Amino acid sequence: MTILLQLIYSGIALGMIYAVIAFGYQLTFATSGTLNFGQGEALMLGAMVGLTLVNLGVNFWLMIPLVILFGFLQGAFVERIGVRPAIKIKSEFGWIMSTIALGIIFKNVAENVWGRDDLRFPSPLPESPIHLFGANVLPMELLVVGGAILMMLAVEFFNRKSIYGKAVVATSNDRDAAGLMGINTGLVITFSYALSSATAAFAGVLIAPLTLTGATMGAVLGLKAFAVAIIGGLNSGMGVLVGGVILGVAETTTGFYLSTGYKDVPGLVLLLLVLAVKPAGLFGKSAIKKV
């Protein structure tokens, strides 16, 4: 029972990282109907930049807002270079290839700047586990869960309480109507991409002390987060939380009780089942459009 609890704790921490990245997918899909398929590379760049700053002597807690700012600028760059031209010419697949291509470029840049070897990210908290509700849990895992929840709550609070956040919500509800009301929808879409990459970069520095940091770390995380977004629903914040936890716990328990070679199977099976039974996601709502 103790081992199972520890697996669940680790799975929740991993699932919250998936949820934060999936939350970034939701931000861009809501405003523009597009997705940043280089989201995993945004996480990787956040972790690598954070590691560089820490090695230069920057305090971990001071490094976090700097990495978030870097992610914000990187996301705005992706939207301007890769997404906006495709939206202007109404290309249905242009933005897909553009974001994938930029993700590959970022990965190659990271390999040339930081090398191909995985690096150790120093933990800001003690690495000895603490006893919590009958099992041991790492302090960094608690920070991951708390940080992920705070990040998503902060974005939701911004959207609901600030005038700029309400412009984002209005664009999400009806981009054409928002434009007629004087909202600069192009700027809102840029902001959503910037915020999406900022959340991914934040997730990168959260998970980096729990794993090795390298140029390839974002590819699998980004893909699994996309699966979480589909499972939970691309228009449901609660959905990505539940989907992330389900996938994270399924991976840790499967990897321990069966084999690490099978830990990716439960999430993929669940994804196939959801797509077959409820394509909008467990908590998603099907959109009805008049034609």
Protein backbone atom coordinates (compact mmCIF):
# COMPACT_ATOMS: atom_id res chain seq x y z
CA MET A 1 0.00 0.00 0.00
CA THR A 2 2.89 2.34 0.79
CA ILE A 3 4.46 1.70 -2.60
CA LEU A 4 1.14 2.32 -4.34
CA LEU A 5 0.73 5.65 -2.52
CA GLN A 6 4.22 6.71 -3.54
CA LEU A 7 3.47 5.79 -7.15
CA ILE A 8 0.25 7.82 -7.00
CA TYR A 9 2.10 10.84 -5.56
CA SER A 10 4.73 10.66 -8.30
CA GLY A 11 2.02 10.17 -10.91
CA ILE A 12 0.11 13.23 -9.73
CA ALA A 13 3.28 15.36 -9.93
CA LEU A 14 3.98 14.10 -13.45
CA GLY A 15 0.34 14.53 -14.44
CA MET A 16 0.33 18.15 -13.30
CA ILE A 17 3.21 18.88 -15.67
CA TYR A 18 1.20 17.33 -18.49
CA ALA A 19 -1.78 19.45 -17.41
CA VAL A 20 0.19 22.73 -17.50
CA ILE A 21 1.45 22.02 -21.01
CA ALA A 22 -2.03 20.91 -22.12
CA PHE A 23 -3.39 24.12 -20.63
CA GLY A 24 -1.10 25.97 -23.03
CA TYR A 25 -2.61 24.05 -25.94
CA GLN A 26 -6.03 25.22 -24.78
CA LEU A 27 -4.97 28.88 -24.69
CA THR A 28 -4.02 28.99 -28.37
CA PHE A 29 -6.86 26.77 -29.56
CA ALA A 30 -9.44 28.97 -27.85
CA THR A 31 -8.34 32.21 -29.52
CA SER A 32 -7.22 31.06 -32.96
CA GLY A 33 -8.29 27.45 -33.46
CA THR A 34 -4.61 26.53 -33.84
CA LEU A 35 -2.12 24.60 -31.71
CA ASN A 36 1.59 25.08 -31.10
CA PHE A 37 3.09 21.68 -31.88
CA GLY A 38 6.43 23.02 -30.66
CA GLN A 39 5.09 23.29 -27.12
CA GLY A 40 7.43 20.56 -25.91
CA GLU A 41 10.42 22.50 -27.23
CA ALA A 42 9.19 25.60 -25.36
CA LEU A 43 9.34 23.51 -22.17
CA MET A 44 12.83 22.29 -23.07
CA LEU A 45 14.11 25.81 -23.77
CA GLY A 46 12.69 27.02 -20.46
CA ALA A 47 14.54 24.26 -18.61
CA MET A 48 17.82 24.86 -20.47
CA VAL A 49 17.71 28.64 -20.01
CA GLY A 50 16.82 28.13 -16.35
CA LEU A 51 19.78 25.77 -15.91
CA THR A 52 22.11 28.31 -17.52
CA LEU A 53 20.90 31.07 -15.20
CA VAL A 54 21.28 28.85 -12.13
CA ASN A 55 24.82 27.90 -13.19
CA LEU A 56 25.61 31.61 -13.55
CA GLY A 57 24.65 32.09 -9.90
CA VAL A 58 21.07 33.32 -10.25
CA ASN A 59 18.84 32.23 -7.38
CA PHE A 60 16.30 29.55 -8.37
CA TRP A 61 13.31 31.63 -7.25
CA LEU A 62 14.58 34.71 -9.10
CA MET A 63 15.28 32.58 -12.16
CA ILE A 64 11.63 31.50 -12.51
CA PRO A 65 10.17 34.90 -13.56
CA LEU A 66 13.10 35.38 -15.97
CA VAL A 67 12.36 32.02 -17.60
CA ILE A 68 8.65 32.85 -17.80
CA LEU A 69 9.54 36.13 -19.54
CA PHE A 70 11.79 34.23 -21.96
CA GLY A 71 8.98 31.77 -22.70
CA PHE A 72 6.58 34.66 -23.25
CA LEU A 73 8.86 36.22 -25.87
CA GLN A 74 9.56 32.86 -27.51
CA GLY A 75 5.84 32.15 -27.87
CA ALA A 76 5.20 35.58 -29.40
CA PHE A 77 8.01 34.90 -31.87
CA VAL A 78 6.44 31.56 -32.88
CA GLU A 79 3.07 33.18 -33.51
CA ARG A 80 4.51 36.03 -35.54
CA ILE A 81 6.80 33.89 -37.68
CA GLY A 82 4.94 30.60 -37.99
CA VAL A 83 1.25 31.06 -37.26
CA ARG A 84 0.16 34.54 -38.33
CA PRO A 85 1.14 34.15 -42.02
CA ALA A 86 -0.85 30.89 -42.20
CA ILE A 87 -3.89 32.49 -40.55
CA LYS A 88 -3.77 35.44 -42.97
CA ILE A 89 -3.87 33.23 -46.04
CA LYS A 90 -6.38 30.91 -44.29
CA SER A 91 -4.13 27.89 -44.70
CA GLU A 92 -5.58 24.98 -42.75
CA PHE A 93 -2.29 23.11 -42.44
CA GLY A 94 0.33 25.84 -42.78
CA TRP A 95 0.43 26.58 -39.06
CA ILE A 96 0.85 22.87 -38.27
CA MET A 97 3.98 22.53 -40.39
CA SER A 98 5.29 25.93 -39.27
CA THR A 99 5.08 25.15 -35.55
CA ILE A 100 6.58 21.68 -36.09
CA ALA A 101 9.41 23.17 -38.16
CA LEU A 102 10.14 25.84 -35.55
CA GLY A 103 10.15 23.17 -32.84
CA ILE A 104 12.77 21.18 -34.77
CA ILE A 105 14.84 24.34 -35.25
CA PHE A 106 14.70 25.13 -31.51
CA LYS A 107 15.78 21.56 -30.72
CA ASN A 108 18.75 21.78 -33.10
CA VAL A 109 19.75 25.16 -31.67
CA ALA A 110 19.61 23.70 -28.14
CA GLU A 111 21.81 20.76 -29.19
CA ASN A 112 24.42 23.14 -30.60
CA VAL A 113 24.32 25.54 -27.64
CA TRP A 114 24.07 23.10 -24.70
CA GLY A 115 25.18 19.83 -26.32
CA ARG A 116 23.39 16.52 -26.75
CA ASP A 117 24.19 15.10 -23.34
CA ASP A 118 21.59 15.22 -20.57
CA LEU A 119 22.46 17.59 -17.74
CA ARG A 120 21.68 17.61 -14.03
CA PHE A 121 19.48 20.45 -12.80
CA PRO A 122 20.21 21.26 -9.12
CA SER A 123 17.17 21.01 -6.86
CA PRO A 124 16.28 24.13 -4.84
CA LEU A 125 14.69 21.96 -2.13
CA PRO A 126 16.08 19.11 -0.01
CA GLU A 127 16.25 15.85 -1.96
CA SER A 128 15.43 13.67 1.03
CA PRO A 129 11.76 12.54 0.97
CA ILE A 130 9.24 13.51 3.62
CA HIS A 131 6.56 11.25 5.05
CA LEU A 132 3.07 12.31 3.99
CA PHE A 133 -0.15 10.35 4.61
CA GLY A 134 1.51 6.97 4.81
CA ALA A 135 4.10 7.33 2.04
CA ASN A 136 7.27 9.21 1.17
CA VAL A 137 7.14 12.11 -1.24
CA LEU A 138 9.87 14.42 -2.52
CA PRO A 139 9.54 18.13 -1.61
CA MET A 140 10.12 18.97 -5.28
CA GLU A 141 7.08 16.89 -6.24
CA LEU A 142 4.96 18.98 -3.87
CA LEU A 143 6.39 22.13 -5.47
CA VAL A 144 5.48 20.81 -8.92
CA VAL A 145 1.86 20.20 -7.92
CA GLY A 146 1.49 23.52 -6.10
CA GLY A 147 3.27 25.52 -8.80
CA ALA A 148 1.22 23.99 -11.60
CA ILE A 149 -2.06 24.71 -9.84
CA LEU A 150 -1.02 28.28 -9.01
CA MET A 151 0.00 28.94 -12.63
CA MET A 152 -3.34 27.78 -14.01
CA LEU A 153 -5.29 29.66 -11.34
CA ALA A 154 -3.31 32.84 -12.10
CA VAL A 155 -4.17 32.60 -15.80
CA GLU A 156 -7.85 31.97 -15.01
CA PHE A 157 -7.88 34.93 -12.60
CA PHE A 158 -6.29 37.13 -15.27
CA ASN A 159 -8.90 36.10 -17.83
CA ARG A 160 -11.84 36.71 -15.51
CA LYS A 161 -10.80 39.86 -13.64
CA SER A 162 -8.63 41.99 -15.97
CA ILE A 163 -9.77 44.00 -18.97
CA TYR A 164 -7.11 42.37 -21.13
CA GLY A 165 -8.16 38.93 -19.96
CA LYS A 166 -11.74 39.70 -20.90
CA ALA A 167 -10.52 40.57 -24.39
CA VAL A 168 -8.98 37.10 -24.54
CA VAL A 169 -12.26 35.53 -23.40
CA ALA A 170 -14.24 37.58 -25.93
CA THR A 171 -11.92 36.48 -28.74
CA SER A 172 -12.28 32.87 -27.57
CA ASN A 173 -16.07 33.09 -27.70
CA ASP A 174 -16.36 34.75 -31.10
CA ARG A 175 -13.31 36.16 -32.86
CA ASP A 176 -15.28 37.98 -35.56
CA ALA A 177 -17.65 39.63 -33.07
CA ALA A 178 -14.72 40.62 -30.86
CA GLY A 179 -13.05 42.28 -33.84
CA LEU A 180 -16.23 44.23 -34.62
CA MET A 181 -16.28 45.46 -31.00
CA GLY A 182 -12.84 47.00 -31.45
CA ILE A 183 -10.69 44.26 -29.93
CA ASN A 184 -7.36 43.72 -31.66
CA THR A 185 -7.82 39.98 -32.16
CA GLY A 186 -4.42 39.60 -33.84
CA LEU A 187 -2.72 40.94 -30.72
CA VAL A 188 -4.87 38.66 -28.56
CA ILE A 189 -3.76 35.61 -30.56
CA THR A 190 -0.13 36.67 -30.20
CA PHE A 191 -0.66 37.06 -26.47
CA SER A 192 -2.25 33.60 -26.20
CA TYR A 193 0.78 32.02 -27.89
CA ALA A 194 3.12 33.98 -25.65
CA LEU A 195 1.22 32.90 -22.55
CA SER A 196 1.11 29.31 -23.78
CA SER A 197 4.89 29.13 -24.16
CA ALA A 198 5.38 30.93 -20.84
CA THR A 199 3.40 28.22 -19.05
CA ALA A 200 5.44 25.53 -20.84
CA ALA A 201 8.73 27.20 -19.87
CA PHE A 202 7.52 27.38 -16.26
CA ALA A 203 6.67 23.66 -16.40
CA GLY A 204 10.18 23.03 -17.70
CA VAL A 205 11.94 24.51 -14.67
CA LEU A 206 9.52 22.73 -12.35
CA ILE A 207 10.16 19.25 -13.73
CA ALA A 208 13.87 19.72 -14.53
CA PRO A 209 15.13 19.01 -10.97
CA LEU A 210 13.18 15.71 -10.99
CA THR A 211 14.68 14.44 -14.23
CA LEU A 212 17.62 15.02 -16.53
CA THR A 213 17.62 18.16 -18.66
CA GLY A 214 18.46 17.95 -22.33
CA ALA A 215 17.52 19.02 -25.84
CA THR A 216 15.24 16.00 -26.33
CA MET A 217 13.31 16.24 -23.04
CA GLY A 218 10.40 18.20 -24.50
CA ALA A 219 9.40 15.96 -27.40
CA VAL A 220 7.74 13.19 -25.38
CA LEU A 221 6.30 15.58 -22.77
CA GLY A 222 4.70 17.74 -25.46
CA LEU A 223 3.17 14.71 -27.18
CA LYS A 224 1.75 13.31 -23.94
CA ALA A 225 0.38 16.71 -22.98
CA PHE A 226 -1.38 16.86 -26.33
CA ALA A 227 -2.93 13.48 -25.53
CA VAL A 228 -4.07 14.90 -22.17
CA ALA A 229 -5.63 17.90 -23.92
CA ILE A 230 -7.57 15.58 -26.23
CA ILE A 231 -8.60 13.23 -23.41
CA GLY A 232 -9.78 16.03 -21.13
CA GLY A 233 -11.16 18.30 -23.85
CA LEU A 234 -9.56 21.25 -25.61
CA ASN A 235 -12.11 23.63 -24.07
CA SER A 236 -12.12 22.36 -20.48
CA GLY A 237 -9.67 23.47 -17.79
CA MET A 238 -10.95 20.83 -15.41
CA GLY A 239 -10.54 18.26 -18.16
CA VAL A 240 -6.78 18.78 -18.50
CA LEU A 241 -6.33 18.51 -14.73
CA VAL A 242 -8.23 15.23 -14.55
CA GLY A 243 -6.68 13.91 -17.75
CA GLY A 244 -3.17 14.81 -16.60
CA VAL A 245 -3.58 13.07 -13.24
CA ILE A 246 -5.10 9.97 -14.86
CA LEU A 247 -2.26 9.70 -17.38
CA GLY A 248 0.47 10.41 -14.83
CA VAL A 249 -0.79 7.82 -12.32
CA ALA A 250 -1.37 5.27 -15.08
CA GLU A 251 2.22 5.66 -16.28
CA THR A 252 3.87 5.34 -12.86
CA THR A 253 1.80 2.34 -11.77
CA THR A 254 2.16 0.55 -15.11
CA GLY A 255 5.91 1.17 -15.17
CA PHE A 256 6.30 -0.35 -11.69
CA TYR A 257 3.87 -3.26 -11.75
CA LEU A 258 4.36 -4.33 -15.37
CA SER A 259 7.41 -2.84 -17.09
CA THR A 260 8.77 0.59 -17.95
CA GLY A 261 8.48 -0.51 -21.56
CA TYR A 262 4.68 -0.50 -21.22
CA LYS A 263 4.22 2.73 -19.25
CA ASP A 264 3.17 4.69 -22.35
CA VAL A 265 0.50 2.15 -23.33
CA PRO A 266 -2.35 3.11 -20.90
CA GLY A 267 -2.39 6.73 -22.03
CA LEU A 268 -2.49 5.80 -25.70
CA VAL A 269 -5.24 3.24 -25.10
CA LEU A 270 -7.27 5.82 -23.19
CA LEU A 271 -6.73 8.34 -25.99
CA LEU A 272 -8.05 5.87 -28.57
CA LEU A 273 -11.07 5.05 -26.40
CA VAL A 274 -11.94 8.71 -25.86
CA LEU A 275 -11.61 9.51 -29.56
CA ALA A 276 -13.89 6.58 -30.38
CA VAL A 277 -16.54 7.25 -27.74
CA LYS A 278 -16.39 10.99 -27.05
CA PRO A 279 -14.23 12.88 -29.58
CA ALA A 280 -14.71 16.23 -27.79
CA GLY A 281 -12.98 14.83 -24.68
CA LEU A 282 -14.22 13.64 -21.30
CA PHE A 283 -15.14 17.16 -20.21
CA GLY A 284 -15.30 18.84 -23.61
CA LYS A 285 -18.37 20.09 -25.37
CA SER A 286 -19.08 19.57 -29.05
CA ALA A 287 -19.40 22.83 -30.93
CA ILE A 288 -22.50 23.29 -33.07
CA LYS A 289 -21.99 25.61 -36.04
CA LYS A 290 -24.63 26.94 -38.40
CA VAL A 291 -23.90 26.43 -42.07
